[in-house]
Amino acid sequence: MRETQKTPSRKSGKAAGPRAKSGAAKARKGGMDAMMARVEQIRQVQREAGHFDCFGRANSGYCDQGECLYRSDCLDLSPLLH
């Protein structure tokens, strides 16, 4: 005689979709938290060096701090923060 496998039944009736979204949302939030921590770290370095703590604040895509070590990263990141 052949045995059949039982599949587990869903008691809650909820689809797996919302769980996947909440996991992705948590990952995005974790990524954003890490990015903001890095932004704050760079701003602290700028303040300690006696410079403007402007990293990530180039809202319009313009930055007049041509000698800044973080300039290219700042210009790439600024649109994501605003």
Protein backbone atom coordinates (compact mmCIF):
# COMPACT_ATOMS: atom_id res chain seq x y z
CA MET A 1 0.00 0.00 0.00
CA ARG A 2 1.26 3.49 -0.87
CA GLU A 3 1.40 6.17 1.79
CA THR A 4 0.51 9.74 0.93
CA GLN A 5 2.12 12.77 2.48
CA LYS A 6 -0.05 15.21 4.32
CA THR A 7 0.50 18.88 3.75
CA PRO A 8 0.24 21.13 6.77
CA SER A 9 -2.99 23.06 6.88
CA ARG A 10 -3.14 26.80 7.31
CA LYS A 11 -5.17 27.69 10.33
CA SER A 12 -4.87 31.45 10.15
CA GLY A 13 -5.92 31.79 6.52
CA LYS A 14 -3.26 34.44 5.95
CA ALA A 15 -1.13 34.33 2.84
CA ALA A 16 2.66 34.24 3.03
CA GLY A 17 2.90 37.54 1.14
CA PRO A 18 2.60 39.90 4.11
CA ARG A 19 5.28 37.99 5.98
CA ALA A 20 7.66 38.35 3.07
CA LYS A 21 6.91 42.06 2.86
CA SER A 22 7.48 42.61 6.55
CA GLY A 23 10.82 40.80 6.27
CA ALA A 24 11.81 42.98 3.32
CA ALA A 25 10.62 46.07 5.17
CA LYS A 26 12.76 45.11 8.16
CA ALA A 27 15.75 44.61 5.88
CA ARG A 28 15.21 48.03 4.30
CA LYS A 29 14.84 49.65 7.72
CA GLY A 30 17.99 47.92 8.92
CA GLY A 31 19.82 49.12 5.83
CA MET A 32 18.56 52.66 6.31
CA ASP A 33 19.56 52.59 9.99
CA ALA A 34 23.06 51.45 9.03
CA MET A 35 23.30 54.14 6.36
CA MET A 36 22.20 56.86 8.78
CA ALA A 37 24.72 55.64 11.35
CA ARG A 38 27.44 55.94 8.71
CA VAL A 39 26.24 59.45 7.77
CA GLU A 40 26.40 60.54 11.42
CA GLN A 41 29.86 59.00 11.77
CA ILE A 42 31.18 60.96 8.79
CA ARG A 43 29.57 64.18 10.06
CA GLN A 44 31.29 63.66 13.41
CA VAL A 45 34.64 63.27 11.63
CA GLN A 46 33.95 66.47 9.70
CA ARG A 47 33.17 68.40 12.91
CA GLU A 48 36.26 67.08 14.68
CA ALA A 49 38.41 68.18 11.73
CA GLY A 50 36.93 71.70 11.93
CA HIS A 51 34.88 71.43 8.74
CA PHE A 52 31.18 71.80 7.99
CA ASP A 53 29.22 68.69 9.00
CA CYS A 54 27.39 68.71 5.70
CA PHE A 55 27.70 65.10 4.53
CA GLY A 56 24.50 63.95 2.82
CA ARG A 57 22.96 67.42 2.78
CA ALA A 58 23.51 68.37 -0.87
CA ASN A 59 19.76 68.53 -1.53
CA SER A 60 20.02 70.18 -4.92
CA GLY A 61 23.00 68.07 -6.02
CA TYR A 62 25.36 71.01 -5.58
CA CYS A 63 28.36 71.08 -3.27
CA ASP A 64 30.99 73.84 -3.12
CA GLN A 65 33.36 71.78 -0.96
CA GLY A 66 35.57 70.61 -3.83
CA GLU A 67 38.41 69.38 -1.60
CA CYS A 68 36.20 67.24 0.66
CA LEU A 69 37.26 63.59 0.84
CA TYR A 70 33.62 62.48 1.05
CA ARG A 71 32.27 64.69 -1.78
CA SER A 72 31.50 62.00 -4.38
CA ASP A 73 29.87 59.71 -1.81
CA CYS A 74 27.92 62.65 -0.44
CA LEU A 75 26.56 63.64 -3.84
CA ASP A 76 25.55 60.03 -4.54
CA LEU A 77 23.86 59.60 -1.17
CA SER A 78 22.14 62.96 -0.72
CA PRO A 79 19.15 62.23 -3.01
CA LEU A 80 18.42 59.07 -1.02
CA LEU A 81 18.25 60.96 2.26
CA HIS A 82 15.82 63.65 1.12
